[in-house]
Amino acid sequence: MAFVVLENCIKCKYTDCVDVCPVDCFYEGPNFLVIHPDECIDCALCVSECPADAIACDDEVPEDQIEFIKINAELAEIWPNITQRKDPLEGADEQNGVAGKRQELIR
């Protein structure tokens, strides 16, 4: 089991989750974060820290977001590791909760 970053992180990229991760398993892209499934220790500390409510256990990912399990695994292999909190993207608060952001993911 591992945790997965979901669609609502796109264009928000809050990094509160990064600060609490004891194993530094977050990876950063231009407008999205991902969790490396082989590095995540299932501690769940990140879940409650995410202001966008965009992290779920892989066995609890909503059916319409199952593809994010694969997206997290693939992008964690190519994006750089992030270990410290940064400011969210400009306009993050306005993007939080906006539906249909999947096509906005910059790989």
N, C-alpha and C. Protein backbone atom coordinates (compact mmCIF):
# COMPACT_ATOMS: atom_id res chain seq x y z
N MET A 1 0.83 -1.18 0.00
CA MET A 1 0.00 0.00 0.00
C MET A 1 0.88 1.25 0.00
N ALA A 2 0.36 2.30 -0.61
CA ALA A 2 1.03 3.60 -0.62
C ALA A 2 -0.04 4.68 -0.75
N PHE A 3 0.37 5.88 -0.54
CA PHE A 3 -0.54 7.00 -0.71
C PHE A 3 -0.34 7.61 -2.08
N VAL A 4 -1.37 8.28 -2.58
CA VAL A 4 -1.41 8.79 -3.95
C VAL A 4 -1.89 10.23 -3.94
N VAL A 5 -1.22 11.09 -4.71
CA VAL A 5 -1.67 12.47 -4.88
C VAL A 5 -2.70 12.47 -6.01
N LEU A 6 -3.82 13.11 -5.77
CA LEU A 6 -4.95 13.10 -6.70
C LEU A 6 -5.09 14.41 -7.47
N GLU A 7 -6.08 14.44 -8.33
CA GLU A 7 -6.30 15.53 -9.28
C GLU A 7 -6.35 16.92 -8.65
N ASN A 8 -6.91 17.05 -7.48
CA ASN A 8 -7.09 18.39 -6.93
C ASN A 8 -5.77 19.11 -6.64
N CYS A 9 -4.67 18.38 -6.59
CA CYS A 9 -3.35 19.02 -6.39
C CYS A 9 -2.92 19.83 -7.62
N ILE A 10 -3.42 19.45 -8.78
CA ILE A 10 -3.02 20.12 -10.01
C ILE A 10 -3.36 21.61 -9.92
N LYS A 11 -2.40 22.43 -10.23
CA LYS A 11 -2.48 23.89 -10.23
C LYS A 11 -2.62 24.49 -8.83
N CYS A 12 -2.46 23.67 -7.80
CA CYS A 12 -2.42 24.17 -6.42
C CYS A 12 -1.01 23.97 -5.88
N LYS A 13 -0.61 22.71 -5.82
CA LYS A 13 0.72 22.29 -5.37
C LYS A 13 1.08 22.89 -4.01
N TYR A 14 0.16 22.70 -3.06
CA TYR A 14 0.51 23.03 -1.68
C TYR A 14 1.57 22.02 -1.25
N THR A 15 2.49 22.41 -0.43
CA THR A 15 3.55 21.49 -0.03
C THR A 15 3.58 21.22 1.47
N ASP A 16 2.48 21.46 2.13
CA ASP A 16 2.38 21.17 3.56
C ASP A 16 2.70 19.69 3.83
N CYS A 17 2.29 18.84 2.90
CA CYS A 17 2.52 17.40 3.01
C CYS A 17 4.00 17.06 3.03
N VAL A 18 4.78 17.78 2.29
CA VAL A 18 6.22 17.52 2.17
C VAL A 18 6.89 17.70 3.53
N ASP A 19 6.47 18.72 4.26
CA ASP A 19 7.07 19.03 5.56
C ASP A 19 6.94 17.89 6.57
N VAL A 20 5.87 17.13 6.50
CA VAL A 20 5.64 16.10 7.51
C VAL A 20 6.08 14.70 7.08
N CYS A 21 6.51 14.54 5.86
CA CYS A 21 6.88 13.21 5.35
C CYS A 21 8.21 12.77 5.96
N PRO A 22 8.22 11.68 6.72
CA PRO A 22 9.46 11.23 7.37
C PRO A 22 10.45 10.56 6.43
N VAL A 23 10.01 10.21 5.22
CA VAL A 23 10.90 9.50 4.29
C VAL A 23 11.14 10.26 2.98
N ASP A 24 10.69 11.49 2.91
CA ASP A 24 10.92 12.34 1.73
C ASP A 24 10.54 11.65 0.42
N CYS A 25 9.30 11.17 0.35
CA CYS A 25 8.87 10.42 -0.84
C CYS A 25 8.06 11.27 -1.82
N PHE A 26 8.08 12.59 -1.67
CA PHE A 26 7.36 13.47 -2.60
C PHE A 26 8.29 13.94 -3.71
N TYR A 27 7.72 14.07 -4.89
CA TYR A 27 8.45 14.53 -6.07
C TYR A 27 7.65 15.65 -6.70
N GLU A 28 8.36 16.62 -7.27
CA GLU A 28 7.74 17.87 -7.70
C GLU A 28 7.83 18.08 -9.20
N GLY A 29 6.66 18.34 -9.78
CA GLY A 29 6.60 18.74 -11.18
C GLY A 29 6.19 20.20 -11.26
N PRO A 30 5.98 20.70 -12.47
CA PRO A 30 5.67 22.12 -12.65
C PRO A 30 4.39 22.58 -11.93
N ASN A 31 3.35 21.73 -11.91
CA ASN A 31 2.10 22.16 -11.27
C ASN A 31 1.41 21.04 -10.49
N PHE A 32 2.21 20.09 -9.99
CA PHE A 32 1.64 18.91 -9.32
C PHE A 32 2.74 18.25 -8.50
N LEU A 33 2.35 17.58 -7.44
CA LEU A 33 3.26 16.75 -6.66
C LEU A 33 2.85 15.30 -6.81
N VAL A 34 3.80 14.39 -6.64
CA VAL A 34 3.48 12.97 -6.63
C VAL A 34 4.21 12.29 -5.48
N ILE A 35 3.73 11.12 -5.13
CA ILE A 35 4.34 10.29 -4.09
C ILE A 35 4.94 9.07 -4.76
N HIS A 36 6.19 8.77 -4.42
CA HIS A 36 6.83 7.56 -4.96
C HIS A 36 6.28 6.36 -4.19
N PRO A 37 5.59 5.45 -4.87
CA PRO A 37 4.94 4.35 -4.17
C PRO A 37 5.91 3.37 -3.48
N ASP A 38 7.13 3.28 -3.99
CA ASP A 38 8.09 2.36 -3.38
C ASP A 38 8.80 2.97 -2.18
N GLU A 39 8.66 4.26 -1.99
CA GLU A 39 9.31 4.94 -0.87
C GLU A 39 8.33 5.27 0.26
N CYS A 40 7.06 5.37 -0.06
CA CYS A 40 6.03 5.70 0.93
C CYS A 40 5.93 4.56 1.96
N ILE A 41 5.91 4.93 3.24
CA ILE A 41 5.82 3.94 4.31
C ILE A 41 4.42 3.88 4.91
N ASP A 42 3.45 4.48 4.26
CA ASP A 42 2.05 4.41 4.67
C ASP A 42 1.78 4.99 6.05
N CYS A 43 2.52 6.02 6.41
CA CYS A 43 2.33 6.62 7.74
C CYS A 43 1.08 7.50 7.80
N ALA A 44 0.63 8.00 6.64
CA ALA A 44 -0.59 8.81 6.52
C ALA A 44 -0.46 10.22 7.10
N LEU A 45 0.71 10.64 7.49
CA LEU A 45 0.87 11.98 8.05
C LEU A 45 0.51 13.06 7.03
N CYS A 46 0.76 12.80 5.77
CA CYS A 46 0.52 13.78 4.71
C CYS A 46 -0.96 14.06 4.47
N VAL A 47 -1.79 13.07 4.71
CA VAL A 47 -3.22 13.18 4.37
C VAL A 47 -3.88 14.36 5.07
N SER A 48 -3.72 14.46 6.35
CA SER A 48 -4.37 15.54 7.11
C SER A 48 -3.72 16.89 6.89
N GLU A 49 -2.49 16.91 6.39
CA GLU A 49 -1.79 18.18 6.16
C GLU A 49 -2.15 18.83 4.83
N CYS A 50 -2.74 18.10 3.93
CA CYS A 50 -3.02 18.62 2.59
C CYS A 50 -4.25 19.53 2.60
N PRO A 51 -4.06 20.84 2.35
CA PRO A 51 -5.20 21.77 2.35
C PRO A 51 -6.18 21.51 1.20
N ALA A 52 -5.72 20.78 0.18
CA ALA A 52 -6.57 20.50 -0.97
C ALA A 52 -7.26 19.15 -0.86
N ASP A 53 -7.05 18.44 0.23
CA ASP A 53 -7.64 17.11 0.41
C ASP A 53 -7.37 16.24 -0.83
N ALA A 54 -6.11 16.25 -1.27
CA ALA A 54 -5.74 15.62 -2.54
C ALA A 54 -4.83 14.41 -2.37
N ILE A 55 -4.86 13.78 -1.20
CA ILE A 55 -4.04 12.59 -0.98
C ILE A 55 -4.92 11.50 -0.41
N ALA A 56 -4.78 10.30 -0.99
CA ALA A 56 -5.57 9.15 -0.52
C ALA A 56 -4.72 7.90 -0.55
N CYS A 57 -5.09 6.93 0.26
CA CYS A 57 -4.46 5.63 0.22
C CYS A 57 -4.81 4.98 -1.11
N ASP A 58 -3.87 4.24 -1.69
CA ASP A 58 -4.10 3.69 -3.02
C ASP A 58 -5.32 2.77 -3.11
N ASP A 59 -5.72 2.16 -2.00
CA ASP A 59 -6.91 1.32 -2.04
C ASP A 59 -8.20 2.10 -1.74
N GLU A 60 -8.07 3.42 -1.59
CA GLU A 60 -9.24 4.27 -1.36
C GLU A 60 -9.36 5.38 -2.40
N VAL A 61 -8.60 5.27 -3.49
CA VAL A 61 -8.66 6.27 -4.55
C VAL A 61 -10.03 6.16 -5.23
N PRO A 62 -10.72 7.30 -5.41
CA PRO A 62 -12.01 7.25 -6.09
C PRO A 62 -11.88 6.64 -7.49
N GLU A 63 -12.89 5.92 -7.90
CA GLU A 63 -12.87 5.22 -9.18
C GLU A 63 -12.49 6.12 -10.34
N ASP A 64 -12.98 7.37 -10.33
CA ASP A 64 -12.70 8.28 -11.45
C ASP A 64 -11.27 8.84 -11.42
N GLN A 65 -10.47 8.44 -10.41
CA GLN A 65 -9.10 8.94 -10.31
C GLN A 65 -8.06 7.80 -10.22
N ILE A 66 -8.47 6.60 -10.53
CA ILE A 66 -7.59 5.44 -10.46
C ILE A 66 -6.31 5.66 -11.26
N GLU A 67 -6.40 6.37 -12.39
CA GLU A 67 -5.21 6.60 -13.22
C GLU A 67 -4.10 7.34 -12.47
N PHE A 68 -4.44 8.04 -11.38
CA PHE A 68 -3.43 8.77 -10.63
C PHE A 68 -2.47 7.84 -9.87
N ILE A 69 -2.86 6.60 -9.66
CA ILE A 69 -1.93 5.64 -9.08
C ILE A 69 -0.75 5.45 -10.04
N LYS A 70 -1.06 5.25 -11.29
CA LYS A 70 -0.03 5.07 -12.32
C LYS A 70 0.74 6.38 -12.56
N ILE A 71 0.03 7.49 -12.59
CA ILE A 71 0.67 8.80 -12.81
C ILE A 71 1.70 9.08 -11.71
N ASN A 72 1.34 8.83 -10.45
CA ASN A 72 2.28 9.05 -9.35
C ASN A 72 3.52 8.19 -9.52
N ALA A 73 3.34 6.92 -9.83
CA ALA A 73 4.48 6.01 -9.98
C ALA A 73 5.38 6.43 -11.14
N GLU A 74 4.80 6.78 -12.26
CA GLU A 74 5.59 7.17 -13.43
C GLU A 74 6.35 8.47 -13.22
N LEU A 75 5.66 9.49 -12.73
CA LEU A 75 6.29 10.80 -12.59
C LEU A 75 7.31 10.85 -11.45
N ALA A 76 7.12 10.03 -10.43
CA ALA A 76 8.09 9.99 -9.33
C ALA A 76 9.45 9.48 -9.81
N GLU A 77 9.47 8.78 -10.91
CA GLU A 77 10.72 8.26 -11.47
C GLU A 77 11.49 9.32 -12.26
N ILE A 78 10.80 10.39 -12.67
CA ILE A 78 11.48 11.39 -13.51
C ILE A 78 11.54 12.79 -12.91
N TRP A 79 10.66 13.09 -11.97
CA TRP A 79 10.67 14.42 -11.36
C TRP A 79 11.66 14.45 -10.19
N PRO A 80 12.14 15.65 -9.83
CA PRO A 80 13.06 15.77 -8.69
C PRO A 80 12.34 15.64 -7.35
N ASN A 81 13.07 15.12 -6.40
CA ASN A 81 12.58 14.97 -5.04
C ASN A 81 12.42 16.35 -4.40
N ILE A 82 11.38 16.51 -3.61
CA ILE A 82 11.18 17.76 -2.85
C ILE A 82 11.15 17.39 -1.37
N THR A 83 11.93 18.11 -0.57
CA THR A 83 12.05 17.76 0.85
C THR A 83 11.68 18.91 1.79
N GLN A 84 11.41 20.09 1.22
CA GLN A 84 11.05 21.23 2.06
C GLN A 84 9.82 21.92 1.49
N ARG A 85 9.06 22.46 2.39
CA ARG A 85 7.85 23.19 2.02
C ARG A 85 8.21 24.43 1.21
N LYS A 86 7.37 24.72 0.22
CA LYS A 86 7.49 25.92 -0.61
C LYS A 86 6.13 26.60 -0.64
N ASP A 87 6.11 27.80 -1.16
CA ASP A 87 4.83 28.47 -1.34
C ASP A 87 4.03 27.73 -2.40
N PRO A 88 2.69 27.70 -2.25
CA PRO A 88 1.87 27.07 -3.29
C PRO A 88 1.91 27.89 -4.57
N LEU A 89 1.39 27.34 -5.62
CA LEU A 89 1.34 28.06 -6.89
C LEU A 89 0.45 29.30 -6.76
N GLU A 90 0.74 30.30 -7.53
CA GLU A 90 -0.10 31.49 -7.55
C GLU A 90 -1.50 31.08 -7.99
N GLY A 91 -2.50 31.53 -7.26
CA GLY A 91 -3.89 31.19 -7.57
C GLY A 91 -4.32 29.85 -7.02
N ALA A 92 -3.50 29.24 -6.16
CA ALA A 92 -3.82 27.92 -5.62
C ALA A 92 -5.16 27.89 -4.90
N ASP A 93 -5.43 28.91 -4.11
CA ASP A 93 -6.69 28.92 -3.37
C ASP A 93 -7.90 28.94 -4.31
N GLU A 94 -7.76 29.62 -5.43
CA GLU A 94 -8.86 29.67 -6.40
C GLU A 94 -8.99 28.34 -7.14
N GLN A 95 -7.90 27.61 -7.31
CA GLN A 95 -7.92 26.32 -8.02
C GLN A 95 -8.35 25.16 -7.12
N ASN A 96 -8.24 25.35 -5.82
CA ASN A 96 -8.61 24.30 -4.89
C ASN A 96 -10.08 23.96 -5.03
N GLY A 97 -10.37 22.73 -5.40
CA GLY A 97 -11.75 22.28 -5.54
C GLY A 97 -12.32 22.40 -6.94
N VAL A 98 -11.56 22.98 -7.87
CA VAL A 98 -12.03 23.10 -9.25
C VAL A 98 -11.99 21.71 -9.89
N ALA A 99 -13.07 21.31 -10.49
CA ALA A 99 -13.15 19.99 -11.13
C ALA A 99 -12.55 20.04 -12.53
N GLY A 100 -12.15 18.88 -13.01
CA GLY A 100 -11.70 18.77 -14.39
C GLY A 100 -10.32 19.34 -14.68
N LYS A 101 -9.40 19.26 -13.73
CA LYS A 101 -8.06 19.82 -13.93
C LYS A 101 -7.09 18.80 -14.55
N ARG A 102 -7.51 17.60 -14.75
CA ARG A 102 -6.63 16.53 -15.23
C ARG A 102 -5.87 16.92 -16.48
N GLN A 103 -6.55 17.58 -17.42
CA GLN A 103 -5.90 17.98 -18.68
C GLN A 103 -4.91 19.12 -18.47
N GLU A 104 -4.89 19.73 -17.30
CA GLU A 104 -3.96 20.82 -16.98
C GLU A 104 -2.63 20.32 -16.40
N LEU A 105 -2.53 19.01 -16.16
CA LEU A 105 -1.31 18.45 -15.59
C LEU A 105 -0.15 18.61 -16.58
N ILE A 106 0.89 19.29 -16.13
CA ILE A 106 2.10 19.47 -16.94
C ILE A 106 3.08 18.37 -16.55
N ARG A 107 3.42 17.54 -17.49
CA ARG A 107 4.33 16.42 -17.20
C ARG A 107 5.73 16.84 -17.49
